[in-house]
C-alpha cells in the first residue's frame, strides 16, 4: 500500500548498533532518491545489553516530522530474544513487516498470522564476513541487506554507498559482504507491499 512516508522502528540492545543501522538506512534511502529522510535514536538510561529503540522515516518529498515513530510500517529486530520481552509489533500497520535477526523461519513467530514476517540470520552472515570485534559479532550492518531484500525500498547498491560513508578498506568490504550474505539468505513469508506515494 502507498503511503506519504515509510516509518521504521528498530529494536535492539545497547551496544548492538541499532542507532548506527538507522542512520545508515537513512543515508541509503537518500542514495536511493528519497529526499525526505530522518533517523532518530531514543536514549534513556540504557546501558549495554538493555533494550533500545531507533527510528527512521523516508519519503520522496521533504519530511518535517522528527518525532519518534510510534506507528511503524516496518519493525527491525536485531535481537530475537526481544520478541519475548517487548511488544515489537506495538502500533505496527496492519500491512506492516517485521524483519528479525533469527535462524528461525518467519512462520515460527506468533505474530506471523497478523503481519508479514521476514527473517535473516544476520549474526551468522556478519560472522562469515569477518565482522567480529573483540569476540562480539557485529550484525547491525548485515541486517540492512535483509531489509533491502525484504522490502525492495532500498537497493543493495544504495546500502553499499551509505556504508562507504562510514567504513573504508577492509572494514568496508566486510560490511558489504555481510549485507550481501543477508540479502541472499533472507526468508520472507508473504509479500511486502509497502511503498511511498
N, C-alpha and C. Protein backbone atom coordinates (compact mmCIF):
# COMPACT_ATOMS: atom_id res chain seq x y z
N UNK A 1 0.83 -1.18 0.00
CA UNK A 1 0.00 0.00 0.00
C UNK A 1 0.89 1.25 0.00
N UNK A 2 0.50 2.27 -0.78
CA UNK A 2 1.27 3.51 -0.84
C UNK A 2 0.94 4.39 0.36
N UNK A 3 1.97 5.05 0.86
CA UNK A 3 1.78 5.99 1.95
C UNK A 3 2.70 7.19 1.74
N UNK A 4 2.41 8.26 2.49
CA UNK A 4 3.16 9.51 2.36
C UNK A 4 4.65 9.31 2.65
N UNK A 5 4.92 8.55 3.69
CA UNK A 5 6.30 8.18 4.00
C UNK A 5 6.33 6.82 4.69
N UNK A 6 7.49 6.21 4.63
CA UNK A 6 7.71 4.91 5.27
C UNK A 6 8.29 5.16 6.65
N UNK A 7 7.75 4.49 7.66
CA UNK A 7 8.24 4.63 9.02
C UNK A 7 8.80 3.29 9.51
N UNK A 8 9.99 3.36 10.08
CA UNK A 8 10.70 2.15 10.53
C UNK A 8 11.05 2.31 12.00
N UNK A 9 10.83 1.25 12.78
CA UNK A 9 11.27 1.24 14.18
C UNK A 9 12.23 0.08 14.37
N UNK A 10 13.37 0.37 14.97
CA UNK A 10 14.41 -0.62 15.25
C UNK A 10 14.35 -1.00 16.72
N UNK A 11 14.44 -2.30 17.00
CA UNK A 11 14.56 -2.80 18.37
C UNK A 11 15.88 -3.54 18.48
N UNK A 12 16.68 -3.15 19.44
CA UNK A 12 17.95 -3.82 19.66
C UNK A 12 18.32 -3.73 21.12
N UNK A 13 19.54 -4.07 21.41
CA UNK A 13 20.07 -3.94 22.77
C UNK A 13 21.25 -2.97 22.71
N UNK A 14 21.47 -2.28 23.80
CA UNK A 14 22.57 -1.33 23.86
C UNK A 14 23.88 -1.99 23.44
N UNK A 15 24.57 -1.36 22.50
CA UNK A 15 25.83 -1.90 22.00
C UNK A 15 25.70 -2.69 20.71
N UNK A 16 24.46 -2.98 20.27
CA UNK A 16 24.27 -3.75 19.03
C UNK A 16 24.28 -2.89 17.77
N UNK A 17 24.19 -1.58 17.93
CA UNK A 17 24.28 -0.70 16.77
C UNK A 17 22.98 -0.37 16.09
N UNK A 18 21.86 -0.40 16.81
CA UNK A 18 20.57 -0.05 16.20
C UNK A 18 20.56 1.39 15.71
N UNK A 19 21.16 2.29 16.49
CA UNK A 19 21.19 3.71 16.11
C UNK A 19 22.04 3.90 14.86
N UNK A 20 23.18 3.24 14.80
CA UNK A 20 24.04 3.33 13.62
C UNK A 20 23.34 2.74 12.40
N UNK A 21 22.68 1.62 12.56
CA UNK A 21 21.97 0.99 11.44
C UNK A 21 20.87 1.92 10.92
N UNK A 22 20.14 2.57 11.83
CA UNK A 22 19.09 3.51 11.41
C UNK A 22 19.69 4.67 10.63
N UNK A 23 20.82 5.17 11.08
CA UNK A 23 21.48 6.28 10.39
C UNK A 23 21.93 5.85 8.98
N UNK A 24 22.53 4.67 8.88
CA UNK A 24 22.98 4.17 7.58
C UNK A 24 21.79 3.93 6.66
N UNK A 25 20.68 3.42 7.20
CA UNK A 25 19.49 3.21 6.38
C UNK A 25 18.98 4.54 5.82
N UNK A 26 18.99 5.60 6.63
CA UNK A 26 18.57 6.91 6.13
C UNK A 26 19.46 7.38 4.99
N UNK A 27 20.75 7.18 5.13
CA UNK A 27 21.68 7.57 4.07
C UNK A 27 21.45 6.75 2.81
N UNK A 28 21.17 5.46 2.98
CA UNK A 28 20.88 4.60 1.82
C UNK A 28 19.59 5.04 1.13
N UNK A 29 18.59 5.42 1.93
CA UNK A 29 17.34 5.91 1.35
C UNK A 29 17.58 7.17 0.54
N UNK A 30 18.44 8.05 1.05
CA UNK A 30 18.78 9.27 0.30
C UNK A 30 19.48 8.91 -1.01
N UNK A 31 20.41 7.96 -0.95
CA UNK A 31 21.09 7.49 -2.16
C UNK A 31 20.10 6.91 -3.16
N UNK A 32 19.03 6.32 -2.65
CA UNK A 32 18.01 5.69 -3.49
C UNK A 32 17.14 6.74 -4.19
N UNK A 33 17.18 7.98 -3.68
CA UNK A 33 16.40 9.05 -4.30
C UNK A 33 15.34 9.65 -3.41
N UNK A 34 15.15 9.10 -2.21
CA UNK A 34 14.20 9.69 -1.27
C UNK A 34 14.79 11.02 -0.80
N UNK A 35 14.00 12.08 -0.79
CA UNK A 35 14.52 13.39 -0.43
C UNK A 35 14.15 13.80 0.99
N UNK A 36 13.24 13.09 1.58
CA UNK A 36 12.94 13.30 2.98
C UNK A 36 13.41 12.08 3.75
N UNK A 37 14.44 12.25 4.58
CA UNK A 37 14.95 11.12 5.37
C UNK A 37 15.26 11.59 6.79
N UNK A 38 14.89 10.79 7.77
CA UNK A 38 15.23 11.10 9.15
C UNK A 38 15.65 9.82 9.86
N UNK A 39 16.49 9.99 10.87
CA UNK A 39 16.86 8.90 11.78
C UNK A 39 16.85 9.50 13.18
N UNK A 40 16.15 8.87 14.10
CA UNK A 40 16.04 9.39 15.46
C UNK A 40 16.29 8.29 16.47
N UNK A 41 17.30 8.48 17.32
CA UNK A 41 17.52 7.49 18.38
C UNK A 41 16.66 7.82 19.59
N UNK A 42 16.39 6.82 20.40
CA UNK A 42 15.73 7.03 21.68
C UNK A 42 16.73 6.67 22.75
N UNK A 43 17.19 7.67 23.47
CA UNK A 43 18.16 7.43 24.53
C UNK A 43 17.51 7.66 25.87
N UNK A 44 17.66 6.72 26.74
CA UNK A 44 17.20 6.86 28.11
C UNK A 44 18.39 6.52 28.99
N UNK A 45 18.14 5.80 30.04
CA UNK A 45 19.21 5.40 30.95
C UNK A 45 19.76 4.03 30.57
N UNK A 46 19.70 3.72 29.27
CA UNK A 46 20.12 2.40 28.82
C UNK A 46 21.61 2.17 29.05
N UNK A 47 21.95 0.94 29.16
CA UNK A 47 23.35 0.54 29.23
C UNK A 47 23.51 -0.65 28.31
N UNK A 48 24.73 -1.06 28.12
CA UNK A 48 25.00 -2.18 27.21
C UNK A 48 24.12 -3.36 27.59
N UNK A 49 23.39 -3.87 26.58
CA UNK A 49 22.53 -5.03 26.78
C UNK A 49 21.07 -4.69 27.07
N UNK A 50 20.78 -3.45 27.44
CA UNK A 50 19.40 -3.05 27.71
C UNK A 50 18.67 -2.77 26.39
N UNK A 51 17.35 -2.99 26.34
CA UNK A 51 16.61 -2.71 25.10
C UNK A 51 16.71 -1.24 24.69
N UNK A 52 16.91 -1.00 23.40
CA UNK A 52 16.97 0.35 22.84
C UNK A 52 16.11 0.42 21.58
N UNK A 53 15.74 1.64 21.22
CA UNK A 53 14.91 1.88 20.03
C UNK A 53 15.56 2.98 19.19
N UNK A 54 15.47 2.83 17.89
CA UNK A 54 15.83 3.89 16.95
C UNK A 54 14.75 3.89 15.87
N UNK A 55 14.56 5.01 15.20
CA UNK A 55 13.51 5.08 14.18
C UNK A 55 13.99 5.78 12.92
N UNK A 56 13.30 5.51 11.83
CA UNK A 56 13.54 6.16 10.53
C UNK A 56 12.22 6.58 9.92
N UNK A 57 12.29 7.61 9.11
CA UNK A 57 11.22 7.94 8.17
C UNK A 57 11.90 8.27 6.85
N UNK A 58 11.29 7.87 5.75
CA UNK A 58 11.76 8.36 4.46
C UNK A 58 10.61 8.50 3.48
N UNK A 59 10.77 9.51 2.61
CA UNK A 59 9.72 9.89 1.67
C UNK A 59 10.36 10.48 0.42
N UNK A 60 9.59 10.50 -0.67
CA UNK A 60 10.08 11.12 -1.90
C UNK A 60 10.13 12.64 -1.76
N UNK A 61 9.41 13.18 -0.77
CA UNK A 61 9.38 14.63 -0.54
C UNK A 61 9.96 14.94 0.84
N UNK A 62 10.35 16.19 1.07
CA UNK A 62 10.89 16.56 2.39
C UNK A 62 9.94 16.19 3.53
N UNK A 63 10.51 15.82 4.66
CA UNK A 63 9.75 15.45 5.85
C UNK A 63 9.97 16.52 6.92
N UNK A 64 8.91 16.92 7.55
CA UNK A 64 9.02 17.91 8.62
C UNK A 64 8.56 17.32 9.96
N UNK A 65 8.54 16.02 10.04
CA UNK A 65 8.18 15.31 11.27
C UNK A 65 9.44 14.63 11.79
N UNK A 66 9.84 14.98 13.02
CA UNK A 66 11.09 14.46 13.56
C UNK A 66 10.90 13.64 14.83
N UNK A 67 9.68 13.45 15.25
CA UNK A 67 9.42 12.69 16.47
C UNK A 67 9.71 11.21 16.26
N UNK A 68 9.77 10.49 17.36
CA UNK A 68 9.96 9.04 17.28
C UNK A 68 8.76 8.40 16.60
N UNK A 69 9.01 7.34 15.90
CA UNK A 69 7.95 6.59 15.22
C UNK A 69 7.21 5.72 16.24
N UNK A 70 5.90 5.90 16.34
CA UNK A 70 5.10 5.06 17.25
C UNK A 70 4.16 4.14 16.48
N UNK A 71 3.92 4.45 15.21
CA UNK A 71 3.08 3.60 14.36
C UNK A 71 3.87 3.22 13.12
N UNK A 72 4.82 2.29 13.28
CA UNK A 72 5.71 1.95 12.16
C UNK A 72 5.03 1.13 11.07
N UNK A 73 5.62 1.21 9.90
CA UNK A 73 5.24 0.34 8.79
C UNK A 73 6.12 -0.90 8.80
N UNK A 74 7.34 -0.72 9.31
CA UNK A 74 8.34 -1.79 9.35
C UNK A 74 8.99 -1.80 10.72
N UNK A 75 9.19 -2.98 11.28
CA UNK A 75 9.93 -3.14 12.52
C UNK A 75 11.11 -4.05 12.23
N UNK A 76 12.31 -3.63 12.67
CA UNK A 76 13.52 -4.44 12.53
C UNK A 76 13.97 -4.82 13.93
N UNK A 77 14.17 -6.11 14.16
CA UNK A 77 14.56 -6.63 15.47
C UNK A 77 15.96 -7.23 15.36
N UNK A 78 16.94 -6.59 16.01
CA UNK A 78 18.32 -7.05 15.96
C UNK A 78 18.59 -8.25 16.87
N UNK A 79 17.80 -8.40 17.92
CA UNK A 79 17.99 -9.49 18.88
C UNK A 79 16.64 -10.18 19.08
N UNK A 80 16.52 -11.39 18.56
CA UNK A 80 15.21 -12.07 18.59
C UNK A 80 14.69 -12.34 19.99
N UNK A 81 15.54 -12.31 21.02
CA UNK A 81 15.04 -12.51 22.38
C UNK A 81 14.13 -11.36 22.81
N UNK A 82 14.23 -10.22 22.14
CA UNK A 82 13.36 -9.09 22.46
C UNK A 82 11.90 -9.38 22.12
N UNK A 83 11.68 -10.30 21.18
CA UNK A 83 10.31 -10.68 20.81
C UNK A 83 9.58 -11.26 22.02
N UNK A 84 10.32 -11.87 22.94
CA UNK A 84 9.73 -12.49 24.13
C UNK A 84 9.44 -11.47 25.23
N UNK A 85 10.17 -10.34 25.23
CA UNK A 85 10.07 -9.41 26.36
C UNK A 85 9.48 -8.05 26.01
N UNK A 86 9.46 -7.70 24.73
CA UNK A 86 8.98 -6.40 24.28
C UNK A 86 7.91 -6.64 23.21
N UNK A 87 6.86 -5.84 23.23
CA UNK A 87 5.85 -5.95 22.17
C UNK A 87 6.37 -5.22 20.94
N UNK A 88 7.17 -5.91 20.15
CA UNK A 88 7.81 -5.28 18.99
C UNK A 88 6.80 -4.89 17.92
N UNK A 89 5.61 -5.46 17.95
CA UNK A 89 4.59 -5.14 16.94
C UNK A 89 3.65 -4.02 17.39
N UNK A 90 3.89 -3.43 18.56
CA UNK A 90 3.02 -2.36 19.06
C UNK A 90 2.92 -1.24 18.02
N UNK A 91 1.69 -0.90 17.64
CA UNK A 91 1.46 0.19 16.70
C UNK A 91 1.75 -0.14 15.24
N UNK A 92 2.20 -1.36 14.95
CA UNK A 92 2.57 -1.72 13.59
C UNK A 92 1.36 -1.69 12.66
N UNK A 93 1.54 -1.10 11.49
CA UNK A 93 0.47 -1.03 10.50
C UNK A 93 -0.02 -2.43 10.15
N UNK A 94 -1.31 -2.54 9.83
CA UNK A 94 -1.91 -3.85 9.52
C UNK A 94 -1.20 -4.55 8.36
N UNK A 95 -0.68 -3.78 7.41
CA UNK A 95 0.06 -4.37 6.29
C UNK A 95 1.57 -4.28 6.52
N UNK A 96 1.96 -4.15 7.80
CA UNK A 96 3.36 -3.96 8.16
C UNK A 96 4.21 -5.20 8.03
N UNK A 97 5.52 -4.96 8.12
CA UNK A 97 6.54 -6.01 8.00
C UNK A 97 7.39 -6.04 9.26
N UNK A 98 7.71 -7.23 9.74
CA UNK A 98 8.65 -7.41 10.84
C UNK A 98 9.83 -8.19 10.29
N UNK A 99 11.03 -7.61 10.39
CA UNK A 99 12.27 -8.27 9.98
C UNK A 99 13.05 -8.62 11.24
N UNK A 100 13.37 -9.90 11.41
CA UNK A 100 14.02 -10.37 12.63
C UNK A 100 15.34 -11.04 12.32
N UNK A 101 16.36 -10.69 13.10
CA UNK A 101 17.65 -11.36 13.02
C UNK A 101 17.49 -12.71 13.72
N UNK A 102 17.28 -13.75 12.93
CA UNK A 102 16.98 -15.06 13.50
C UNK A 102 17.29 -16.17 12.51
N UNK A 103 17.62 -17.34 13.06
CA UNK A 103 17.79 -18.55 12.23
C UNK A 103 16.44 -19.19 11.93
N UNK A 104 15.44 -18.82 12.71
CA UNK A 104 14.13 -19.45 12.60
C UNK A 104 13.41 -19.01 11.33
N UNK A 105 12.41 -19.78 10.96
CA UNK A 105 11.56 -19.47 9.81
C UNK A 105 10.56 -18.39 10.24
N UNK A 106 10.19 -17.48 9.35
CA UNK A 106 9.24 -16.42 9.72
C UNK A 106 7.94 -16.93 10.35
N UNK A 107 7.45 -18.06 9.89
CA UNK A 107 6.18 -18.58 10.41
C UNK A 107 6.28 -19.14 11.82
N UNK A 108 7.50 -19.22 12.37
CA UNK A 108 7.69 -19.68 13.75
C UNK A 108 7.32 -18.61 14.78
N UNK A 109 7.13 -17.38 14.34
CA UNK A 109 6.84 -16.29 15.27
C UNK A 109 5.33 -16.13 15.44
N UNK A 110 4.88 -15.91 16.68
CA UNK A 110 3.44 -15.92 16.97
C UNK A 110 2.63 -14.85 16.23
N UNK A 111 3.25 -13.79 15.79
CA UNK A 111 2.52 -12.72 15.10
C UNK A 111 2.55 -12.87 13.58
N UNK A 112 3.08 -13.99 13.08
CA UNK A 112 3.18 -14.19 11.63
C UNK A 112 1.81 -14.35 10.96
N UNK A 113 0.78 -14.61 11.76
CA UNK A 113 -0.57 -14.70 11.19
C UNK A 113 -1.21 -13.32 11.02
N UNK A 114 -0.61 -12.29 11.64
CA UNK A 114 -1.16 -10.93 11.55
C UNK A 114 -0.34 -9.99 10.69
N UNK A 115 0.96 -10.27 10.55
CA UNK A 115 1.86 -9.38 9.82
C UNK A 115 2.75 -10.19 8.88
N UNK A 116 3.31 -9.52 7.90
CA UNK A 116 4.33 -10.15 7.06
C UNK A 116 5.61 -10.21 7.89
N UNK A 117 6.24 -11.36 7.92
CA UNK A 117 7.46 -11.54 8.71
C UNK A 117 8.57 -12.03 7.79
N UNK A 118 9.76 -11.48 8.00
CA UNK A 118 10.96 -11.92 7.29
C UNK A 118 12.03 -12.20 8.33
N UNK A 119 12.85 -13.20 8.06
CA UNK A 119 13.98 -13.49 8.94
C UNK A 119 15.25 -13.59 8.12
N UNK A 120 16.34 -13.22 8.77
CA UNK A 120 17.66 -13.42 8.18
C UNK A 120 18.62 -13.63 9.34
N UNK A 121 19.50 -14.57 9.22
CA UNK A 121 20.48 -14.82 10.28
C UNK A 121 21.65 -13.85 10.08
N UNK A 122 21.39 -12.58 10.41
CA UNK A 122 22.39 -11.54 10.23
C UNK A 122 23.63 -11.79 11.08
N UNK A 123 23.45 -12.43 12.23
CA UNK A 123 24.60 -12.73 13.08
C UNK A 123 25.55 -13.69 12.37
N UNK A 124 25.00 -14.74 11.79
CA UNK A 124 25.84 -15.69 11.05
C UNK A 124 26.49 -15.03 9.82
N UNK A 125 25.70 -14.23 9.10
CA UNK A 125 26.23 -13.54 7.92
C UNK A 125 27.38 -12.61 8.31
N UNK A 126 27.21 -11.88 9.41
CA UNK A 126 28.25 -10.97 9.88
C UNK A 126 29.50 -11.75 10.29
N UNK A 127 29.30 -12.86 10.97
CA UNK A 127 30.44 -13.68 11.40
C UNK A 127 31.20 -14.21 10.19
N UNK A 128 30.47 -14.71 9.19
CA UNK A 128 31.11 -15.22 7.98
C UNK A 128 31.86 -14.13 7.23
N UNK A 129 31.36 -12.89 7.33
CA UNK A 129 32.00 -11.77 6.65
C UNK A 129 33.19 -11.21 7.44
N UNK A 130 33.40 -11.72 8.65
CA UNK A 130 34.52 -11.26 9.47
C UNK A 130 34.20 -10.04 10.32
N UNK A 131 32.92 -9.77 10.55
CA UNK A 131 32.51 -8.62 11.36
C UNK A 131 32.47 -9.00 12.84
N UNK A 132 33.65 -9.27 13.37
CA UNK A 132 33.80 -9.67 14.76
C UNK A 132 34.83 -8.75 15.40
N UNK A 133 34.44 -8.11 16.50
CA UNK A 133 35.35 -7.22 17.22
C UNK A 133 35.41 -7.67 18.66
N UNK A 134 36.60 -7.99 19.12
CA UNK A 134 36.82 -8.45 20.49
C UNK A 134 35.87 -9.59 20.86
N UNK A 135 35.64 -10.48 19.92
CA UNK A 135 34.80 -11.64 20.15
C UNK A 135 33.31 -11.41 19.96
N UNK A 136 32.90 -10.16 19.77
CA UNK A 136 31.48 -9.84 19.57
C UNK A 136 31.18 -9.72 18.08
N UNK A 137 30.12 -10.39 17.64
CA UNK A 137 29.69 -10.33 16.24
C UNK A 137 28.85 -9.08 16.05
N UNK A 138 29.20 -8.27 15.07
CA UNK A 138 28.52 -7.00 14.79
C UNK A 138 27.58 -7.20 13.61
N UNK A 139 26.29 -7.38 13.89
CA UNK A 139 25.33 -7.76 12.85
C UNK A 139 24.45 -6.61 12.35
N UNK A 140 24.64 -5.40 12.89
CA UNK A 140 23.72 -4.31 12.53
C UNK A 140 23.80 -3.92 11.06
N UNK A 141 24.97 -3.96 10.45
CA UNK A 141 25.05 -3.60 9.04
C UNK A 141 24.63 -4.76 8.15
N UNK A 142 24.84 -5.97 8.61
CA UNK A 142 24.41 -7.13 7.82
C UNK A 142 22.90 -7.16 7.66
N UNK A 143 22.17 -6.84 8.72
CA UNK A 143 20.70 -6.91 8.63
C UNK A 143 20.15 -5.89 7.64
N UNK A 144 20.93 -4.87 7.31
CA UNK A 144 20.48 -3.91 6.29
C UNK A 144 20.31 -4.59 4.94
N UNK A 145 21.13 -5.60 4.67
CA UNK A 145 20.94 -6.39 3.44
C UNK A 145 19.61 -7.12 3.47
N UNK A 146 19.24 -7.63 4.63
CA UNK A 146 17.94 -8.27 4.79
C UNK A 146 16.80 -7.29 4.59
N UNK A 147 17.00 -6.05 5.05
CA UNK A 147 16.00 -5.00 4.86
C UNK A 147 15.79 -4.74 3.36
N UNK A 148 16.90 -4.63 2.63
CA UNK A 148 16.80 -4.39 1.18
C UNK A 148 16.05 -5.52 0.49
N UNK A 149 16.34 -6.75 0.86
CA UNK A 149 15.71 -7.91 0.23
C UNK A 149 14.22 -8.01 0.58
N UNK A 150 13.91 -7.81 1.86
CA UNK A 150 12.53 -7.99 2.32
C UNK A 150 11.59 -6.89 1.85
N UNK A 151 12.11 -5.66 1.69
CA UNK A 151 11.23 -4.52 1.39
C UNK A 151 11.32 -4.01 -0.04
N UNK A 152 12.45 -4.17 -0.68
CA UNK A 152 12.72 -3.57 -2.00
C UNK A 152 12.60 -2.05 -1.98
N UNK A 153 12.65 -1.43 -0.82
CA UNK A 153 12.55 0.03 -0.71
C UNK A 153 13.89 0.71 -0.97
N UNK A 154 14.97 0.03 -0.65
CA UNK A 154 16.32 0.50 -0.97
C UNK A 154 17.06 -0.66 -1.62
N UNK A 155 17.98 -0.34 -2.48
CA UNK A 155 18.76 -1.37 -3.17
C UNK A 155 20.03 -1.68 -2.40
N UNK A 156 20.60 -2.81 -2.71
CA UNK A 156 21.89 -3.18 -2.12
C UNK A 156 22.95 -2.17 -2.53
N UNK A 157 22.86 -1.65 -3.75
CA UNK A 157 23.83 -0.66 -4.23
C UNK A 157 23.76 0.63 -3.40
N UNK A 158 22.56 1.08 -3.07
CA UNK A 158 22.41 2.28 -2.24
C UNK A 158 22.95 2.03 -0.83
N UNK A 159 22.72 0.84 -0.30
CA UNK A 159 23.27 0.50 1.01
C UNK A 159 24.78 0.52 0.98
N UNK A 160 25.37 -0.02 -0.07
CA UNK A 160 26.83 -0.04 -0.17
C UNK A 160 27.40 1.37 -0.25
N UNK A 161 26.72 2.27 -0.93
CA UNK A 161 27.17 3.67 -0.98
C UNK A 161 27.10 4.30 0.41
N UNK A 162 26.03 4.02 1.15
CA UNK A 162 25.89 4.55 2.50
C UNK A 162 26.95 3.96 3.43
N UNK A 163 27.24 2.68 3.29
CA UNK A 163 28.29 2.06 4.11
C UNK A 163 29.64 2.73 3.87
N UNK A 164 29.88 3.16 2.63
CA UNK A 164 31.16 3.81 2.29
C UNK A 164 31.32 5.16 2.99
N UNK A 165 30.23 5.73 3.50
CA UNK A 165 30.33 6.97 4.29
C UNK A 165 30.89 6.70 5.68
N UNK A 166 30.86 5.44 6.11
CA UNK A 166 31.26 5.10 7.48
C UNK A 166 32.48 4.18 7.56
N UNK A 167 32.73 3.43 6.52
CA UNK A 167 33.81 2.43 6.55
C UNK A 167 34.69 2.56 5.32
N UNK A 168 35.93 2.13 5.46
CA UNK A 168 36.88 2.18 4.35
C UNK A 168 37.71 0.90 4.34
N UNK A 169 38.29 0.62 3.20
CA UNK A 169 39.21 -0.51 3.08
C UNK A 169 38.59 -1.84 3.45
N UNK A 170 39.30 -2.58 4.29
CA UNK A 170 38.87 -3.92 4.69
C UNK A 170 37.55 -3.89 5.46
N UNK A 171 37.38 -2.88 6.31
CA UNK A 171 36.13 -2.77 7.09
C UNK A 171 34.93 -2.58 6.16
N UNK A 172 35.10 -1.77 5.13
CA UNK A 172 34.01 -1.56 4.17
C UNK A 172 33.68 -2.86 3.45
N UNK A 173 34.70 -3.57 3.03
CA UNK A 173 34.48 -4.83 2.31
C UNK A 173 33.75 -5.85 3.18
N UNK A 174 34.12 -5.94 4.46
CA UNK A 174 33.45 -6.88 5.37
C UNK A 174 31.98 -6.51 5.56
N UNK A 175 31.71 -5.21 5.72
CA UNK A 175 30.32 -4.77 5.89
C UNK A 175 29.51 -4.99 4.63
N UNK A 176 30.09 -4.75 3.48
CA UNK A 176 29.40 -5.04 2.21
C UNK A 176 29.09 -6.53 2.10
N UNK A 177 30.06 -7.35 2.44
CA UNK A 177 29.90 -8.80 2.34
C UNK A 177 28.80 -9.29 3.29
N UNK A 178 28.79 -8.79 4.51
CA UNK A 178 27.75 -9.16 5.47
C UNK A 178 26.36 -8.81 4.95
N UNK A 179 26.22 -7.62 4.38
CA UNK A 179 24.94 -7.20 3.81
C UNK A 179 24.53 -8.06 2.63
N UNK A 180 25.50 -8.40 1.79
CA UNK A 180 25.21 -9.23 0.61
C UNK A 180 24.73 -10.62 1.04
N UNK A 181 25.41 -11.21 2.03
CA UNK A 181 25.01 -12.53 2.51
C UNK A 181 23.60 -12.50 3.10
N UNK A 182 23.31 -11.48 3.90
CA UNK A 182 21.97 -11.36 4.49
C UNK A 182 20.92 -11.16 3.40
N UNK A 183 21.24 -10.38 2.39
CA UNK A 183 20.33 -10.17 1.26
C UNK A 183 19.98 -11.50 0.61
N UNK A 184 21.00 -12.31 0.37
CA UNK A 184 20.81 -13.60 -0.31
C UNK A 184 20.04 -14.60 0.54
N UNK A 185 20.15 -14.51 1.86
CA UNK A 185 19.60 -15.53 2.75
C UNK A 185 18.30 -15.14 3.46
N UNK A 186 17.78 -13.99 3.17
CA UNK A 186 16.54 -13.54 3.83
C UNK A 186 15.36 -14.39 3.37
N UNK A 187 14.56 -14.81 4.34
CA UNK A 187 13.35 -15.60 4.06
C UNK A 187 12.15 -14.70 4.35
N UNK A 188 11.28 -14.55 3.39
CA UNK A 188 10.11 -13.69 3.52
C UNK A 188 8.85 -14.54 3.42
N UNK A 189 8.04 -14.51 4.48
CA UNK A 189 6.75 -15.23 4.45
C UNK A 189 5.69 -14.21 4.09
N UNK A 190 5.19 -14.28 2.91
CA UNK A 190 4.23 -13.28 2.44
C UNK A 190 4.92 -12.29 1.53
N UNK A 191 4.24 -11.18 1.28
CA UNK A 191 4.78 -10.18 0.37
C UNK A 191 4.72 -8.81 1.03
N UNK A 192 5.80 -8.07 0.94
CA UNK A 192 5.82 -6.71 1.45
C UNK A 192 5.32 -5.79 0.33
N UNK A 193 4.21 -5.11 0.58
CA UNK A 193 3.60 -4.25 -0.44
C UNK A 193 3.75 -2.77 -0.12
N UNK A 194 4.63 -2.44 0.81
CA UNK A 194 4.80 -1.05 1.23
C UNK A 194 5.54 -0.25 0.16
N UNK A 195 5.06 0.97 -0.10
CA UNK A 195 5.77 1.88 -0.99
C UNK A 195 5.32 3.30 -0.71
N UNK A 196 6.20 4.25 -1.04
CA UNK A 196 5.89 5.67 -0.88
C UNK A 196 5.11 6.17 -2.07
N UNK A 197 4.16 7.06 -1.81
CA UNK A 197 3.38 7.68 -2.89
C UNK A 197 4.20 8.77 -3.56
